[in-house]
Amino acid sequence: MTAVLERDTTFDTRFATEPYEVAWASEARWFVQHVGGDGTATYVTQVSPDGLTWCDLDDLEHVVEPGGLVSWPATGFGHWLRLRAKVEGSVQVRIHLAVKA
């Protein structure tokens, strides 16, 4: 199953995606694409036990440049996933989360 968390959304400051419940899943993979803008963003996977309070899954940061598409797996997560991002400039993004049992 693939969830679209952002579709051609523009950001020029820090943001976090909506939470996505993945308690049933054993594997997850993020796909982040910059489809517009001239900025760069750094993404970190976050986990939550309840979808309300968040912490970083690990200390890995993923940088996406203008026009870039980056993907990375998320393992050892709990019930909820989201991304937090720090943006420099302006970015238009598509963010997909692919999960499977």
PDB file of N, CA and C in Angstrom:
ATOM      1  N   MET A   1       0.836  -1.166   0.000  1.00  0.00           N
ATOM      2  CA  MET A   1       0.000   0.000   0.000  1.00  0.00           C
ATOM      3  C   MET A   1       0.896   1.249   0.000  1.00  0.00           C
ATOM      4  N   THR A   2       0.507   2.224  -0.798  1.00  0.00           N
ATOM      5  CA  THR A   2       1.264   3.473  -0.845  1.00  0.00           C
ATOM      6  C   THR A   2       0.344   4.635  -0.493  1.00  0.00           C
ATOM      7  N   ALA A   3       0.768   5.418   0.470  1.00  0.00           N
ATOM      8  CA  ALA A   3       0.011   6.593   0.900  1.00  0.00           C
ATOM      9  C   ALA A   3       0.683   7.847   0.351  1.00  0.00           C
ATOM     10  N   VAL A   4      -0.111   8.756  -0.155  1.00  0.00           N
ATOM     11  CA  VAL A   4       0.391  10.051  -0.608  1.00  0.00           C
ATOM     12  C   VAL A   4       0.187  11.033   0.542  1.00  0.00           C
ATOM     13  N   LEU A   5       1.289  11.489   1.132  1.00  0.00           N
ATOM     14  CA  LEU A   5       1.184  12.394   2.282  1.00  0.00           C
ATOM     15  C   LEU A   5       1.268  13.854   1.865  1.00  0.00           C
ATOM     16  N   GLU A   6       1.950  14.136   0.771  1.00  0.00           N
ATOM     17  CA  GLU A   6       1.979  15.492   0.209  1.00  0.00           C
ATOM     18  C   GLU A   6       2.008  15.360  -1.302  1.00  0.00           C
ATOM     19  N   ARG A   7       1.232  16.200  -1.970  1.00  0.00           N
ATOM     20  CA  ARG A   7       1.207  16.181  -3.429  1.00  0.00           C
ATOM     21  C   ARG A   7       1.343  17.609  -3.946  1.00  0.00           C
ATOM     22  N   ASP A   8       2.521  17.918  -4.466  1.00  0.00           N
ATOM     23  CA  ASP A   8       2.796  19.234  -5.052  1.00  0.00           C
ATOM     24  C   ASP A   8       2.533  20.378  -4.066  1.00  0.00           C
ATOM     25  N   THR A   9       2.858  20.130  -2.806  1.00  0.00           N
ATOM     26  CA  THR A   9       2.690  21.137  -1.757  1.00  0.00           C
ATOM     27  C   THR A   9       3.970  21.950  -1.642  1.00  0.00           C
ATOM     28  N   THR A  10       3.826  23.268  -1.477  1.00  0.00           N
ATOM     29  CA  THR A  10       4.981  24.153  -1.379  1.00  0.00           C
ATOM     30  C   THR A  10       5.209  24.551   0.077  1.00  0.00           C
ATOM     31  N   PHE A  11       6.489  24.474   0.493  1.00  0.00           N
ATOM     32  CA  PHE A  11       6.890  24.856   1.843  1.00  0.00           C
ATOM     33  C   PHE A  11       8.095  25.783   1.746  1.00  0.00           C
ATOM     34  N   ASP A  12       8.159  26.724   2.677  1.00  0.00           N
ATOM     35  CA  ASP A  12       9.344  27.587   2.764  1.00  0.00           C
ATOM     36  C   ASP A  12       9.828  27.720   4.209  1.00  0.00           C
ATOM     37  N   THR A  13       9.399  26.794   5.039  1.00  0.00           N
ATOM     38  CA  THR A  13       9.830  26.773   6.428  1.00  0.00           C
ATOM     39  C   THR A  13       9.749  25.327   6.939  1.00  0.00           C
ATOM     40  N   ARG A  14      10.037  25.138   8.192  1.00  0.00           N
ATOM     41  CA  ARG A  14       9.956  23.785   8.759  1.00  0.00           C
ATOM     42  C   ARG A  14       8.528  23.258   8.655  1.00  0.00           C
ATOM     43  N   PHE A  15       8.410  21.952   8.452  1.00  0.00           N
ATOM     44  CA  PHE A  15       7.086  21.338   8.461  1.00  0.00           C
ATOM     45  C   PHE A  15       7.210  19.868   8.837  1.00  0.00           C
ATOM     46  N   ALA A  16       6.061  19.274   9.151  1.00  0.00           N
ATOM     47  CA  ALA A  16       5.972  17.831   9.388  1.00  0.00           C
ATOM     48  C   ALA A  16       4.763  17.327   8.624  1.00  0.00           C
ATOM     49  N   THR A  17       4.867  16.111   8.098  1.00  0.00           N
ATOM     50  CA  THR A  17       3.734  15.527   7.387  1.00  0.00           C
ATOM     51  C   THR A  17       2.660  15.125   8.390  1.00  0.00           C
ATOM     52  N   GLU A  18       1.488  14.856   7.873  1.00  0.00           N
ATOM     53  CA  GLU A  18       0.453  14.277   8.718  1.00  0.00           C
ATOM     54  C   GLU A  18       0.921  12.907   9.190  1.00  0.00           C
ATOM     55  N   PRO A  19       0.522  12.510  10.394  1.00  0.00           N
ATOM     56  CA  PRO A  19       0.892  11.174  10.885  1.00  0.00           C
ATOM     57  C   PRO A  19       0.209  10.088  10.056  1.00  0.00           C
ATOM     58  N   TYR A  20       0.880   8.953   9.948  1.00  0.00           N
ATOM     59  CA  TYR A  20       0.295   7.814   9.242  1.00  0.00           C
ATOM     60  C   TYR A  20       0.443   6.572  10.110  1.00  0.00           C
ATOM     61  N   GLU A  21      -0.681   5.900  10.384  1.00  0.00           N
ATOM     62  CA  GLU A  21      -0.668   4.731  11.263  1.00  0.00           C
ATOM     63  C   GLU A  21      -0.187   3.511  10.501  1.00  0.00           C
ATOM     64  N   VAL A  22       0.846   2.870  11.028  1.00  0.00           N
ATOM     65  CA  VAL A  22       1.466   1.728  10.345  1.00  0.00           C
ATOM     66  C   VAL A  22       1.656   0.546  11.295  1.00  0.00           C
ATOM     67  N   ALA A  23       0.803   0.442  12.303  1.00  0.00           N
ATOM     68  CA  ALA A  23       0.961  -0.629  13.297  1.00  0.00           C
ATOM     69  C   ALA A  23       0.915  -2.013  12.661  1.00  0.00           C
ATOM     70  N   TRP A  24       0.188  -2.152  11.575  1.00  0.00           N
ATOM     71  CA  TRP A  24       0.029  -3.444  10.904  1.00  0.00           C
ATOM     72  C   TRP A  24       1.202  -3.794   9.999  1.00  0.00           C
ATOM     73  N   ALA A  25       2.039  -2.830   9.691  1.00  0.00           N
ATOM     74  CA  ALA A  25       3.097  -3.010   8.694  1.00  0.00           C
ATOM     75  C   ALA A  25       4.404  -3.483   9.324  1.00  0.00           C
ATOM     76  N   SER A  26       5.172  -4.219   8.530  1.00  0.00           N
ATOM     77  CA  SER A  26       6.499  -4.648   8.984  1.00  0.00           C
ATOM     78  C   SER A  26       7.615  -3.952   8.201  1.00  0.00           C
ATOM     79  N   GLU A  27       7.263  -3.350   7.055  1.00  0.00           N
ATOM     80  CA  GLU A  27       8.248  -2.644   6.242  1.00  0.00           C
ATOM     81  C   GLU A  27       7.670  -1.309   5.792  1.00  0.00           C
ATOM     82  N   ALA A  28       8.532  -0.316   5.712  1.00  0.00           N
ATOM     83  CA  ALA A  28       8.107   0.999   5.230  1.00  0.00           C
ATOM     84  C   ALA A  28       9.249   1.632   4.450  1.00  0.00           C
ATOM     85  N   ARG A  29       8.885   2.426   3.450  1.00  0.00           N
ATOM     86  CA  ARG A  29       9.883   3.135   2.657  1.00  0.00           C
ATOM     87  C   ARG A  29       9.322   4.491   2.257  1.00  0.00           C
ATOM     88  N   TRP A  30      10.139   5.529   2.477  1.00  0.00           N
ATOM     89  CA  TRP A  30       9.777   6.895   2.083  1.00  0.00           C
ATOM     90  C   TRP A  30      10.266   7.187   0.667  1.00  0.00           C
ATOM     91  N   PHE A  31       9.483   7.959  -0.072  1.00  0.00           N
ATOM     92  CA  PHE A  31       9.879   8.517  -1.362  1.00  0.00           C
ATOM     93  C   PHE A  31       9.585  10.010  -1.293  1.00  0.00           C
ATOM     94  N   VAL A  32      10.622  10.823  -1.397  1.00  0.00           N
ATOM     95  CA  VAL A  32      10.467  12.275  -1.336  1.00  0.00           C
ATOM     96  C   VAL A  32      11.026  12.860  -2.623  1.00  0.00           C
ATOM     97  N   GLN A  33      10.186  13.598  -3.320  1.00  0.00           N
ATOM     98  CA  GLN A  33      10.578  14.203  -4.593  1.00  0.00           C
ATOM     99  C   GLN A  33      10.336  15.705  -4.540  1.00  0.00           C
ATOM    100  N   HIS A  34      11.324  16.467  -4.960  1.00  0.00           N
ATOM    101  CA  HIS A  34      11.165  17.913  -5.102  1.00  0.00           C
ATOM    102  C   HIS A  34      10.798  18.196  -6.552  1.00  0.00           C
ATOM    103  N   VAL A  35       9.558  18.582  -6.770  1.00  0.00           N
ATOM    104  CA  VAL A  35       9.055  18.805  -8.128  1.00  0.00           C
ATOM    105  C   VAL A  35       9.092  20.269  -8.527  1.00  0.00           C
ATOM    106  N   GLY A  36       9.423  21.139  -7.590  1.00  0.00           N
ATOM    107  CA  GLY A  36       9.508  22.561  -7.894  1.00  0.00           C
ATOM    108  C   GLY A  36      10.234  23.304  -6.794  1.00  0.00           C
ATOM    109  N   GLY A  37      10.444  24.576  -7.035  1.00  0.00           N
ATOM    110  CA  GLY A  37      11.169  25.388  -6.066  1.00  0.00           C
ATOM    111  C   GLY A  37      12.667  25.304  -6.293  1.00  0.00           C
ATOM    112  N   ASP A  38      13.366  26.189  -5.612  1.00  0.00           N
ATOM    113  CA  ASP A  38      14.820  26.242  -5.772  1.00  0.00           C
ATOM    114  C   ASP A  38      15.548  25.908  -4.474  1.00  0.00           C
ATOM    115  N   GLY A  39      14.811  25.394  -3.504  1.00  0.00           N
ATOM    116  CA  GLY A  39      15.400  25.138  -2.193  1.00  0.00           C
ATOM    117  C   GLY A  39      15.833  23.701  -1.984  1.00  0.00           C
ATOM    118  N   THR A  40      16.403  23.517  -0.826  1.00  0.00           N
ATOM    119  CA  THR A  40      16.856  22.208  -0.370  1.00  0.00           C
ATOM    120  C   THR A  40      16.182  21.917   0.959  1.00  0.00           C
ATOM    121  N   ALA A  41      15.897  20.653   1.218  1.00  0.00           N
ATOM    122  CA  ALA A  41      15.286  20.290   2.491  1.00  0.00           C
ATOM    123  C   ALA A  41      15.967  19.057   3.064  1.00  0.00           C
ATOM    124  N   THR A  42      15.988  19.009   4.386  1.00  0.00           N
ATOM    125  CA  THR A  42      16.533  17.871   5.117  1.00  0.00           C
ATOM    126  C   THR A  42      15.386  17.185   5.848  1.00  0.00           C
ATOM    127  N   TYR A  43      15.281  15.864   5.663  1.00  0.00           N
ATOM    128  CA  TYR A  43      14.157  15.093   6.202  1.00  0.00           C
ATOM    129  C   TYR A  43      14.643  14.085   7.232  1.00  0.00           C
ATOM    130  N   VAL A  44      13.834  13.907   8.273  1.00  0.00           N
ATOM    131  CA  VAL A  44      14.116  12.936   9.325  1.00  0.00           C
ATOM    132  C   VAL A  44      12.830  12.152   9.593  1.00  0.00           C
ATOM    133  N   THR A  45      12.935  10.832   9.676  1.00  0.00           N
ATOM    134  CA  THR A  45      11.793   9.990  10.011  1.00  0.00           C
ATOM    135  C   THR A  45      11.514  10.095  11.508  1.00  0.00           C
ATOM    136  N   GLN A  46      10.240  10.277  11.846  1.00  0.00           N
ATOM    137  CA  GLN A  46       9.849  10.318  13.248  1.00  0.00           C
ATOM    138  C   GLN A  46       8.837   9.216  13.537  1.00  0.00           C
ATOM    139  N   VAL A  47       8.828   8.768  14.791  1.00  0.00           N
ATOM    140  CA  VAL A  47       7.914   7.725  15.250  1.00  0.00           C
ATOM    141  C   VAL A  47       7.142   8.237  16.461  1.00  0.00           C
ATOM    142  N   SER A  48       5.998   7.576  16.697  1.00  0.00           N
ATOM    143  CA  SER A  48       5.152   7.976  17.818  1.00  0.00           C
ATOM    144  C   SER A  48       4.393   6.756  18.330  1.00  0.00           C
ATOM    145  N   PRO A  49       4.164   6.696  19.638  1.00  0.00           N
ATOM    146  CA  PRO A  49       3.338   5.599  20.167  1.00  0.00           C
ATOM    147  C   PRO A  49       1.847   5.878  20.033  1.00  0.00           C
ATOM    148  N   ASP A  50       1.478   7.174  19.855  1.00  0.00           N
ATOM    149  CA  ASP A  50       0.067   7.545  19.888  1.00  0.00           C
ATOM    150  C   ASP A  50      -0.360   8.511  18.779  1.00  0.00           C
ATOM    151  N   GLY A  51       0.557   8.917  17.914  1.00  0.00           N
ATOM    152  CA  GLY A  51       0.235   9.874  16.864  1.00  0.00           C
ATOM    153  C   GLY A  51       0.183  11.308  17.354  1.00  0.00           C
ATOM    154  N   LEU A  52       0.533  11.535  18.604  1.00  0.00           N
ATOM    155  CA  LEU A  52       0.487  12.885  19.176  1.00  0.00           C
ATOM    156  C   LEU A  52       1.856  13.392  19.583  1.00  0.00           C
ATOM    157  N   THR A  53       2.649  12.527  20.181  1.00  0.00           N
ATOM    158  CA  THR A  53       3.989  12.902  20.624  1.00  0.00           C
ATOM    159  C   THR A  53       5.009  12.190  19.751  1.00  0.00           C
ATOM    160  N   TRP A  54       6.101  12.902  19.401  1.00  0.00           N
ATOM    161  CA  TRP A  54       7.009  12.420  18.370  1.00  0.00           C
ATOM    162  C   TRP A  54       8.457  12.477  18.809  1.00  0.00           C
ATOM    163  N   CYS A  55       9.233  11.526  18.289  1.00  0.00           N
ATOM    164  CA  CYS A  55      10.684  11.567  18.450  1.00  0.00           C
ATOM    165  C   CYS A  55      11.307  11.036  17.162  1.00  0.00           C
ATOM    166  N   ASP A  56      12.578  11.367  16.943  1.00  0.00           N
ATOM    167  CA  ASP A  56      13.274  10.900  15.752  1.00  0.00           C
ATOM    168  C   ASP A  56      13.490   9.386  15.844  1.00  0.00           C
ATOM    169  N   LEU A  57      13.304   8.675  14.729  1.00  0.00           N
ATOM    170  CA  LEU A  57      13.530   7.231  14.696  1.00  0.00           C
ATOM    171  C   LEU A  57      15.007   6.925  14.869  1.00  0.00           C
ATOM    172  N   ASP A  58      15.854   7.713  14.229  1.00  0.00           N
ATOM    173  CA  ASP A  58      17.299   7.507  14.305  1.00  0.00           C
ATOM    174  C   ASP A  58      17.964   8.855  14.041  1.00  0.00           C
ATOM    175  N   ASP A  59      19.268   8.860  13.867  1.00  0.00           N
ATOM    176  CA  ASP A  59      19.946  10.138  13.635  1.00  0.00           C
ATOM    177  C   ASP A  59      20.281  10.357  12.158  1.00  0.00           C
ATOM    178  N   LEU A  60      19.570   9.655  11.273  1.00  0.00           N
ATOM    179  CA  LEU A  60      19.816   9.793   9.840  1.00  0.00           C
ATOM    180  C   LEU A  60      19.016  10.959   9.260  1.00  0.00           C
ATOM    181  N   GLU A  61      19.717  11.808   8.508  1.00  0.00           N
ATOM    182  CA  GLU A  61      19.070  12.908   7.800  1.00  0.00           C
ATOM    183  C   GLU A  61      19.205  12.654   6.304  1.00  0.00           C
ATOM    184  N   HIS A  62      18.158  13.002   5.560  1.00  0.00           N
ATOM    185  CA  HIS A  62      18.141  12.777   4.116  1.00  0.00           C
ATOM    186  C   HIS A  62      17.940  14.121   3.440  1.00  0.00           C
ATOM    187  N   VAL A  63      18.903  14.511   2.623  1.00  0.00           N
ATOM    188  CA  VAL A  63      18.869  15.811   1.953  1.00  0.00           C
ATOM    189  C   VAL A  63      18.343  15.625   0.533  1.00  0.00           C
ATOM    190  N   VAL A  64      17.376  16.461   0.159  1.00  0.00           N
ATOM    191  CA  VAL A  64      16.832  16.436  -1.199  1.00  0.00           C
ATOM    192  C   VAL A  64      17.104  17.798  -1.840  1.00  0.00           C
ATOM    193  N   GLU A  65      17.754  17.745  -2.994  1.00  0.00           N
ATOM    194  CA  GLU A  65      18.101  18.941  -3.766  1.00  0.00           C
ATOM    195  C   GLU A  65      16.975  19.248  -4.766  1.00  0.00           C
ATOM    196  N   PRO A  66      16.985  20.427  -5.373  1.00  0.00           N
ATOM    197  CA  PRO A  66      15.963  20.743  -6.384  1.00  0.00           C
ATOM    198  C   PRO A  66      15.931  19.678  -7.491  1.00  0.00           C
ATOM    199  N   GLY A  67      14.737  19.208  -7.809  1.00  0.00           N
ATOM    200  CA  GLY A  67      14.560  18.204  -8.845  1.00  0.00           C
ATOM    201  C   GLY A  67      14.889  16.792  -8.425  1.00  0.00           C
ATOM    202  N   GLY A  68      15.314  16.604  -7.199  1.00  0.00           N
ATOM    203  CA  GLY A  68      15.758  15.292  -6.745  1.00  0.00           C
ATOM    204  C   GLY A  68      14.640  14.392  -6.245  1.00  0.00           C
ATOM    205  N   LEU A  69      14.903  13.095  -6.299  1.00  0.00           N
ATOM    206  CA  LEU A  69      14.026  12.076  -5.723  1.00  0.00           C
ATOM    207  C   LEU A  69      14.904  11.204  -4.849  1.00  0.00           C
ATOM    208  N   VAL A  70      14.531  11.091  -3.576  1.00  0.00           N
ATOM    209  CA  VAL A  70      15.316  10.316  -2.614  1.00  0.00           C
ATOM    210  C   VAL A  70      14.380   9.330  -1.928  1.00  0.00           C
ATOM    211  N   SER A  71      14.892   8.131  -1.658  1.00  0.00           N
ATOM    212  CA  SER A  71      14.114   7.101  -0.979  1.00  0.00           C
ATOM    213  C   SER A  71      14.973   6.452   0.094  1.00  0.00           C
ATOM    214  N   TRP A  72      14.332   6.060   1.198  1.00  0.00           N
ATOM    215  CA  TRP A  72      15.042   5.349   2.249  1.00  0.00           C
ATOM    216  C   TRP A  72      14.050   4.493   3.032  1.00  0.00           C
ATOM    217  N   PRO A  73      14.522   3.378   3.593  1.00  0.00           N
ATOM    218  CA  PRO A  73      13.636   2.515   4.371  1.00  0.00           C
ATOM    219  C   PRO A  73      13.508   3.012   5.807  1.00  0.00           C
ATOM    220  N   ALA A  74      12.421   2.629   6.419  1.00  0.00           N
ATOM    221  CA  ALA A  74      12.235   2.852   7.858  1.00  0.00           C
ATOM    222  C   ALA A  74      11.994   1.478   8.476  1.00  0.00           C
ATOM    223  N   THR A  75      12.804   1.139   9.458  1.00  0.00           N
ATOM    224  CA  THR A  75      12.653  -0.160  10.115  1.00  0.00           C
ATOM    225  C   THR A  75      12.617   0.041  11.621  1.00  0.00           C
ATOM    226  N   GLY A  76      12.029  -0.929  12.311  1.00  0.00           N
ATOM    227  CA  GLY A  76      11.976  -0.866  13.768  1.00  0.00           C
ATOM    228  C   GLY A  76      11.070   0.235  14.281  1.00  0.00           C
ATOM    229  N   PHE A  77      10.066   0.613  13.485  1.00  0.00           N
ATOM    230  CA  PHE A  77       9.150   1.673  13.898  1.00  0.00           C
ATOM    231  C   PHE A  77       8.034   1.086  14.760  1.00  0.00           C
ATOM    232  N   GLY A  78       7.291   1.978  15.377  1.00  0.00           N
ATOM    233  CA  GLY A  78       6.165   1.563  16.226  1.00  0.00           C
ATOM    234  C   GLY A  78       4.863   1.658  15.469  1.00  0.00           C
ATOM    235  N   HIS A  79       3.926   2.395  16.003  1.00  0.00           N
ATOM    236  CA  HIS A  79       2.581   2.447  15.437  1.00  0.00           C
ATOM    237  C   HIS A  79       2.363   3.578  14.443  1.00  0.00           C
ATOM    238  N   TRP A  80       3.141   4.667  14.551  1.00  0.00           N
ATOM    239  CA  TRP A  80       2.899   5.838  13.704  1.00  0.00           C
ATOM    240  C   TRP A  80       4.205   6.321  13.098  1.00  0.00           C
ATOM    241  N   LEU A  81       4.131   6.827  11.864  1.00  0.00           N
ATOM    242  CA  LEU A  81       5.279   7.424  11.183  1.00  0.00           C
ATOM    243  C   LEU A  81       4.903   8.791  10.633  1.00  0.00           C
ATOM    244  N   ARG A  82       5.897   9.651  10.545  1.00  0.00           N
ATOM    245  CA  ARG A  82       5.775  10.908   9.826  1.00  0.00           C
ATOM    246  C   ARG A  82       7.175  11.388   9.487  1.00  0.00           C
ATOM    247  N   LEU A  83       7.270  12.431   8.677  1.00  0.00           N
ATOM    248  CA  LEU A  83       8.540  13.084   8.386  1.00  0.00           C
ATOM    249  C   LEU A  83       8.510  14.486   8.942  1.00  0.00           C
ATOM    250  N   ARG A  84       9.635  14.914   9.472  1.00  0.00           N
ATOM    251  CA  ARG A  84       9.798  16.340   9.756  1.00  0.00           C
ATOM    252  C   ARG A  84      10.865  16.848   8.803  1.00  0.00           C
ATOM    253  N   ALA A  85      10.733  18.112   8.424  1.00  0.00           N
ATOM    254  CA  ALA A  85      11.647  18.671   7.429  1.00  0.00           C
ATOM    255  C   ALA A  85      12.088  20.065   7.825  1.00  0.00           C
ATOM    256  N   LYS A  86      13.322  20.366   7.471  1.00  0.00           N
ATOM    257  CA  LYS A  86      13.876  21.710   7.616  1.00  0.00           C
ATOM    258  C   LYS A  86      14.176  22.188   6.196  1.00  0.00           C
ATOM    259  N   VAL A  87      13.552  23.291   5.811  1.00  0.00           N
ATOM    260  CA  VAL A  87      13.634  23.784   4.441  1.00  0.00           C
ATOM    261  C   VAL A  87      14.514  25.024   4.374  1.00  0.00           C
ATOM    262  N   GLU A  88      15.369  25.073   3.371  1.00  0.00           N
ATOM    263  CA  GLU A  88      16.146  26.274   3.054  1.00  0.00           C
ATOM    264  C   GLU A  88      15.732  26.711   1.664  1.00  0.00           C
ATOM    265  N   GLY A  89      15.094  27.875   1.560  1.00  0.00           N
ATOM    266  CA  GLY A  89      14.532  28.333   0.294  1.00  0.00           C
ATOM    267  C   GLY A  89      13.073  27.901   0.219  1.00  0.00           C
ATOM    268  N   SER A  90      12.650  27.536  -0.973  1.00  0.00           N
ATOM    269  CA  SER A  90      11.278  27.098  -1.188  1.00  0.00           C
ATOM    270  C   SER A  90      11.299  25.765  -1.927  1.00  0.00           C
ATOM    271  N   VAL A  91      10.457  24.818  -1.488  1.00  0.00           N
ATOM    272  CA  VAL A  91      10.407  23.507  -2.132  1.00  0.00           C
ATOM    273  C   VAL A  91       8.953  23.131  -2.389  1.00  0.00           C
ATOM    274  N   GLN A  92       8.723  22.500  -3.529  1.00  0.00           N
ATOM    275  CA  GLN A  92       7.424  21.915  -3.842  1.00  0.00           C
ATOM    276  C   GLN A  92       7.642  20.403  -3.827  1.00  0.00           C
ATOM    277  N   VAL A  93       6.882  19.693  -2.997  1.00  0.00           N
ATOM    278  CA  VAL A  93       7.214  18.299  -2.722  1.00  0.00           C
ATOM    279  C   VAL A  93       6.062  17.344  -3.025  1.00  0.00           C
ATOM    280  N   ARG A  94       6.480  16.118  -3.328  1.00  0.00           N
ATOM    281  CA  ARG A  94       5.592  14.958  -3.319  1.00  0.00           C
ATOM    282  C   ARG A  94       6.211  13.968  -2.344  1.00  0.00           C
ATOM    283  N   ILE A  95       5.424  13.513  -1.391  1.00  0.00           N
ATOM    284  CA  ILE A  95       5.931  12.577  -0.393  1.00  0.00           C
ATOM    285  C   ILE A  95       5.009  11.368  -0.364  1.00  0.00           C
ATOM    286  N   HIS A  96       5.601  10.194  -0.623  1.00  0.00           N
ATOM    287  CA  HIS A  96       4.872   8.932  -0.579  1.00  0.00           C
ATOM    288  C   HIS A  96       5.473   8.052   0.516  1.00  0.00           C
ATOM    289  N   LEU A  97       4.613   7.298   1.167  1.00  0.00           N
ATOM    290  CA  LEU A  97       5.037   6.294   2.141  1.00  0.00           C
ATOM    291  C   LEU A  97       4.495   4.951   1.673  1.00  0.00           C
ATOM    292  N   ALA A  98       5.406   4.041   1.319  1.00  0.00           N
ATOM    293  CA  ALA A  98       5.032   2.697   0.880  1.00  0.00           C
ATOM    294  C   ALA A  98       5.223   1.744   2.054  1.00  0.00           C
ATOM    295  N   VAL A  99       4.183   0.991   2.395  1.00  0.00           N
ATOM    296  CA  VAL A  99       4.249   0.065   3.529  1.00  0.00           C
ATOM    297  C   VAL A  99       3.663  -1.277   3.116  1.00  0.00           C
ATOM    298  N   LYS A 100       4.176  -2.334   3.757  1.00  0.00           N
ATOM    299  CA  LYS A 100       3.601  -3.656   3.536  1.00  0.00           C
ATOM    300  C   LYS A 100       3.802  -4.514   4.767  1.00  0.00           C
ATOM    301  N   ALA A 101       2.937  -5.506   4.913  1.00  0.00           N
ATOM    302  CA  ALA A 101       2.969  -6.389   6.085  1.00  0.00           C
ATOM    303  C   ALA A 101       4.110  -7.366   5.973  1.00  0.00           C
TER     304      ALA A 101
END
